[in-house]
């Protein structure tokens, strides 16, 4: 188990390094980028940095859990039923608030007379959110 966890974190670090190298190569080789190619090296570099740092942080936490049993107990207690219920409730509240903000953004964009296609995309995202919400409401109602 211990070696498998370390290997997972090492894989994250390796993927991060590969993405960073790819970003540097893209920035050097494509001197006249246009469109999406202009932002691609920055996106790849950002993803690489996040993966690399996440792998290092994961390896350090595995090492710390191995050395300190109290820390390992805290981590396992963090994932108990009460903590998961609290996190789910917080996510639900954040989702409701985000929906409110997106509707406000749609109204703001309409008042600012932004292109209709942009407004339609935002409304489509909100409709997908509503369908997913109602799907899960029906699914969980049947399960519980």
C-alpha atoms as a PDB file:
ATOM      1  CA  UNK A   1       0.000   0.000   0.000  1.00  0.00           C
ATOM      2  CA  UNK A   2       2.750   2.423   0.978  1.00  0.00           C
ATOM      3  CA  UNK A   3       4.749   1.967  -2.237  1.00  0.00           C
ATOM      4  CA  UNK A   4       1.603   2.123  -4.345  1.00  0.00           C
ATOM      5  CA  UNK A   5       0.651   5.484  -2.810  1.00  0.00           C
ATOM      6  CA  UNK A   6       4.147   6.844  -3.350  1.00  0.00           C
ATOM      7  CA  UNK A   7       4.081   5.625  -6.945  1.00  0.00           C
ATOM      8  CA  UNK A   8       0.784   7.433  -7.533  1.00  0.00           C
ATOM      9  CA  UNK A   9       2.280  10.667  -6.232  1.00  0.00           C
ATOM     10  CA  UNK A  10       5.444  10.122  -8.298  1.00  0.00           C
ATOM     11  CA  UNK A  11       3.257   9.645 -11.369  1.00  0.00           C
ATOM     12  CA  UNK A  12       1.556  12.986 -10.651  1.00  0.00           C
ATOM     13  CA  UNK A  13       4.958  14.658 -10.412  1.00  0.00           C
ATOM     14  CA  UNK A  14       6.112  13.057 -13.657  1.00  0.00           C
ATOM     15  CA  UNK A  15       2.975  14.157 -15.495  1.00  0.00           C
ATOM     16  CA  UNK A  16       3.510  17.670 -14.138  1.00  0.00           C
ATOM     17  CA  UNK A  17       7.100  17.756 -15.388  1.00  0.00           C
ATOM     18  CA  UNK A  18       6.045  16.485 -18.828  1.00  0.00           C
ATOM     19  CA  UNK A  19       3.352  19.169 -19.069  1.00  0.00           C
ATOM     20  CA  UNK A  20       5.782  21.901 -18.024  1.00  0.00           C
ATOM     21  CA  UNK A  21       8.340  20.749 -20.600  1.00  0.00           C
ATOM     22  CA  UNK A  22       5.618  20.610 -23.274  1.00  0.00           C
ATOM     23  CA  UNK A  23       4.571  24.153 -22.389  1.00  0.00           C
ATOM     24  CA  UNK A  24       8.143  25.429 -22.661  1.00  0.00           C
ATOM     25  CA  UNK A  25       8.656  23.659 -25.984  1.00  0.00           C
ATOM     26  CA  UNK A  26       5.400  25.028 -27.375  1.00  0.00           C
ATOM     27  CA  UNK A  27       6.336  28.546 -26.301  1.00  0.00           C
ATOM     28  CA  UNK A  28       9.744  28.226 -28.000  1.00  0.00           C
ATOM     29  CA  UNK A  29       8.721  26.389 -31.184  1.00  0.00           C
ATOM     30  CA  UNK A  30       5.558  28.287 -32.066  1.00  0.00           C
ATOM     31  CA  UNK A  31       6.777  31.863 -32.273  1.00  0.00           C
ATOM     32  CA  UNK A  32       3.731  33.143 -34.145  1.00  0.00           C
ATOM     33  CA  UNK A  33       0.823  31.499 -32.331  1.00  0.00           C
ATOM     34  CA  UNK A  34      -2.733  32.447 -33.062  1.00  0.00           C
ATOM     35  CA  UNK A  35      -6.060  31.671 -31.460  1.00  0.00           C
ATOM     36  CA  UNK A  36      -5.991  28.894 -28.902  1.00  0.00           C
ATOM     37  CA  UNK A  37      -2.320  28.181 -29.599  1.00  0.00           C
ATOM     38  CA  UNK A  38      -1.500  31.536 -28.033  1.00  0.00           C
ATOM     39  CA  UNK A  39      -2.826  30.437 -24.630  1.00  0.00           C
ATOM     40  CA  UNK A  40      -1.983  26.736 -24.816  1.00  0.00           C
ATOM     41  CA  UNK A  41       1.565  26.966 -23.369  1.00  0.00           C
ATOM     42  CA  UNK A  42       0.253  28.882 -20.354  1.00  0.00           C
ATOM     43  CA  UNK A  43      -2.575  26.419 -19.778  1.00  0.00           C
ATOM     44  CA  UNK A  44      -0.239  23.434 -20.062  1.00  0.00           C
ATOM     45  CA  UNK A  45       2.310  25.105 -17.792  1.00  0.00           C
ATOM     46  CA  UNK A  46      -0.329  25.874 -15.173  1.00  0.00           C
ATOM     47  CA  UNK A  47      -1.668  22.332 -15.245  1.00  0.00           C
ATOM     48  CA  UNK A  48       1.871  20.979 -15.007  1.00  0.00           C
ATOM     49  CA  UNK A  49       2.737  23.127 -12.021  1.00  0.00           C
ATOM     50  CA  UNK A  50      -0.477  22.121 -10.232  1.00  0.00           C
ATOM     51  CA  UNK A  51       0.149  18.411 -10.930  1.00  0.00           C
ATOM     52  CA  UNK A  52       3.795  18.628  -9.841  1.00  0.00           C
ATOM     53  CA  UNK A  53       3.052  20.474  -6.596  1.00  0.00           C
ATOM     54  CA  UNK A  54       0.068  18.195  -5.911  1.00  0.00           C
ATOM     55  CA  UNK A  55       2.287  15.140  -6.297  1.00  0.00           C
ATOM     56  CA  UNK A  56       4.903  16.548  -3.948  1.00  0.00           C
ATOM     57  CA  UNK A  57       2.267  17.533  -1.384  1.00  0.00           C
ATOM     58  CA  UNK A  58       0.676  14.084  -1.611  1.00  0.00           C
ATOM     59  CA  UNK A  59       4.023  12.341  -1.123  1.00  0.00           C
ATOM     60  CA  UNK A  60       4.796  14.532   1.871  1.00  0.00           C
ATOM     61  CA  UNK A  61       1.405  13.813   3.441  1.00  0.00           C
ATOM     62  CA  UNK A  62       1.879  10.056   2.910  1.00  0.00           C
ATOM     63  CA  UNK A  63       5.276  10.304   4.579  1.00  0.00           C
ATOM     64  CA  UNK A  64       3.864  12.358   7.454  1.00  0.00           C
ATOM     65  CA  UNK A  65       0.995   9.903   7.987  1.00  0.00           C
ATOM     66  CA  UNK A  66       3.497   7.060   8.093  1.00  0.00           C
ATOM     67  CA  UNK A  67       5.660   8.792  10.704  1.00  0.00           C
ATOM     68  CA  UNK A  68       2.940  10.382  12.864  1.00  0.00           C
ATOM     69  CA  UNK A  69      -0.003   8.134  13.833  1.00  0.00           C
ATOM     70  CA  UNK A  70      -1.870  11.079  15.394  1.00  0.00           C
ATOM     71  CA  UNK A  71      -1.862  12.911  12.066  1.00  0.00           C
ATOM     72  CA  UNK A  72      -3.039   9.747  10.305  1.00  0.00           C
ATOM     73  CA  UNK A  73      -5.924   9.481  12.788  1.00  0.00           C
ATOM     74  CA  UNK A  74      -6.864  13.130  12.150  1.00  0.00           C
ATOM     75  CA  UNK A  75      -6.920  12.496   8.419  1.00  0.00           C
ATOM     76  CA  UNK A  76      -9.105   9.418   8.741  1.00  0.00           C
ATOM     77  CA  UNK A  77     -11.423  11.232  11.181  1.00  0.00           C
ATOM     78  CA  UNK A  78     -11.744  14.018   8.620  1.00  0.00           C
ATOM     79  CA  UNK A  79     -13.585  11.604   6.329  1.00  0.00           C
ATOM     80  CA  UNK A  80     -16.160  10.415   8.851  1.00  0.00           C
ATOM     81  CA  UNK A  81     -19.919  10.627   8.189  1.00  0.00           C
ATOM     82  CA  UNK A  82     -20.411  13.937   9.992  1.00  0.00           C
ATOM     83  CA  UNK A  83     -17.624  15.668   8.081  1.00  0.00           C
ATOM     84  CA  UNK A  84     -18.920  14.329   4.781  1.00  0.00           C
ATOM     85  CA  UNK A  85     -22.458  15.516   5.591  1.00  0.00           C
ATOM     86  CA  UNK A  86     -21.138  18.980   6.497  1.00  0.00           C
ATOM     87  CA  UNK A  87     -19.141  19.146   3.271  1.00  0.00           C
ATOM     88  CA  UNK A  88     -22.136  18.059   1.180  1.00  0.00           C
ATOM     89  CA  UNK A  89     -24.345  20.684   2.793  1.00  0.00           C
ATOM     90  CA  UNK A  90     -21.730  23.376   2.178  1.00  0.00           C
ATOM     91  CA  UNK A  91     -21.431  22.299  -1.465  1.00  0.00           C
ATOM     92  CA  UNK A  92     -25.201  22.509  -1.872  1.00  0.00           C
ATOM     93  CA  UNK A  93     -25.281  26.036  -0.442  1.00  0.00           C
ATOM     94  CA  UNK A  94     -22.347  27.073  -2.644  1.00  0.00           C
ATOM     95  CA  UNK A  95     -24.112  25.604  -5.685  1.00  0.00           C
ATOM     96  CA  UNK A  96     -27.285  27.555  -4.911  1.00  0.00           C
ATOM     97  CA  UNK A  97     -25.282  30.750  -4.507  1.00  0.00           C
ATOM     98  CA  UNK A  98     -23.397  30.114  -7.748  1.00  0.00           C
ATOM     99  CA  UNK A  99     -26.690  29.595  -9.593  1.00  0.00           C
ATOM    100  CA  UNK A 100     -27.905  32.939  -8.283  1.00  0.00           C
ATOM    101  CA  UNK A 101     -24.686  34.607  -9.463  1.00  0.00           C
ATOM    102  CA  UNK A 102     -24.946  33.030 -12.917  1.00  0.00           C
ATOM    103  CA  UNK A 103     -28.520  34.257 -13.355  1.00  0.00           C
ATOM    104  CA  UNK A 104     -27.371  37.725 -12.272  1.00  0.00           C
ATOM    105  CA  UNK A 105     -24.522  37.511 -14.794  1.00  0.00           C
ATOM    106  CA  UNK A 106     -26.950  36.523 -17.560  1.00  0.00           C
ATOM    107  CA  UNK A 107     -29.155  39.518 -16.767  1.00  0.00           C
ATOM    108  CA  UNK A 108     -26.108  41.792 -16.635  1.00  0.00           C
ATOM    109  CA  UNK A 109     -24.897  40.533 -20.018  1.00  0.00           C
ATOM    110  CA  UNK A 110     -28.356  41.069 -21.511  1.00  0.00           C
ATOM    111  CA  UNK A 111     -28.495  44.634 -20.188  1.00  0.00           C
ATOM    112  CA  UNK A 112     -24.997  45.300 -21.562  1.00  0.00           C
ATOM    113  CA  UNK A 113     -26.259  44.044 -24.965  1.00  0.00           C
ATOM    114  CA  UNK A 114     -23.593  41.385 -25.348  1.00  0.00           C
ATOM    115  CA  UNK A 115     -23.826  39.092 -28.370  1.00  0.00           C
ATOM    116  CA  UNK A 116     -26.851  36.831 -28.208  1.00  0.00           C
ATOM    117  CA  UNK A 117     -24.763  33.673 -28.657  1.00  0.00           C
ATOM    118  CA  UNK A 118     -22.885  34.326 -25.405  1.00  0.00           C
ATOM    119  CA  UNK A 119     -26.129  34.801 -23.499  1.00  0.00           C
ATOM    120  CA  UNK A 120     -27.576  31.631 -25.056  1.00  0.00           C
ATOM    121  CA  UNK A 121     -24.505  29.658 -23.942  1.00  0.00           C
ATOM    122  CA  UNK A 122     -24.907  30.874 -20.349  1.00  0.00           C
ATOM    123  CA  UNK A 123     -28.629  30.099 -20.375  1.00  0.00           C
ATOM    124  CA  UNK A 124     -27.810  26.642 -21.771  1.00  0.00           C
ATOM    125  CA  UNK A 125     -25.364  26.036 -18.926  1.00  0.00           C
ATOM    126  CA  UNK A 126     -28.033  27.004 -16.418  1.00  0.00           C
ATOM    127  CA  UNK A 127     -30.578  24.712 -18.083  1.00  0.00           C
ATOM    128  CA  UNK A 128     -28.118  21.808 -17.949  1.00  0.00           C
ATOM    129  CA  UNK A 129     -27.570  22.597 -14.262  1.00  0.00           C
ATOM    130  CA  UNK A 130     -31.327  22.510 -13.653  1.00  0.00           C
ATOM    131  CA  UNK A 131     -31.741  19.183 -15.488  1.00  0.00           C
ATOM    132  CA  UNK A 132     -28.856  17.630 -13.544  1.00  0.00           C
ATOM    133  CA  UNK A 133     -30.304  18.946 -10.281  1.00  0.00           C
ATOM    134  CA  UNK A 134     -33.712  17.435 -10.986  1.00  0.00           C
ATOM    135  CA  UNK A 135     -32.149  14.160 -12.136  1.00  0.00           C
ATOM    136  CA  UNK A 136     -30.315  13.771  -8.846  1.00  0.00           C
ATOM    137  CA  UNK A 137     -33.375  14.792  -6.845  1.00  0.00           C
ATOM    138  CA  UNK A 138     -35.381  11.996  -8.516  1.00  0.00           C
ATOM    139  CA  UNK A 139     -32.508   9.497  -8.171  1.00  0.00           C
ATOM    140  CA  UNK A 140     -31.947  10.173  -4.477  1.00  0.00           C
ATOM    141  CA  UNK A 141     -35.711  10.182  -3.801  1.00  0.00           C
ATOM    142  CA  UNK A 142     -35.907   6.641  -5.212  1.00  0.00           C
ATOM    143  CA  UNK A 143     -32.841   5.492  -3.242  1.00  0.00           C
ATOM    144  CA  UNK A 144     -33.828   6.868   0.145  1.00  0.00           C
END
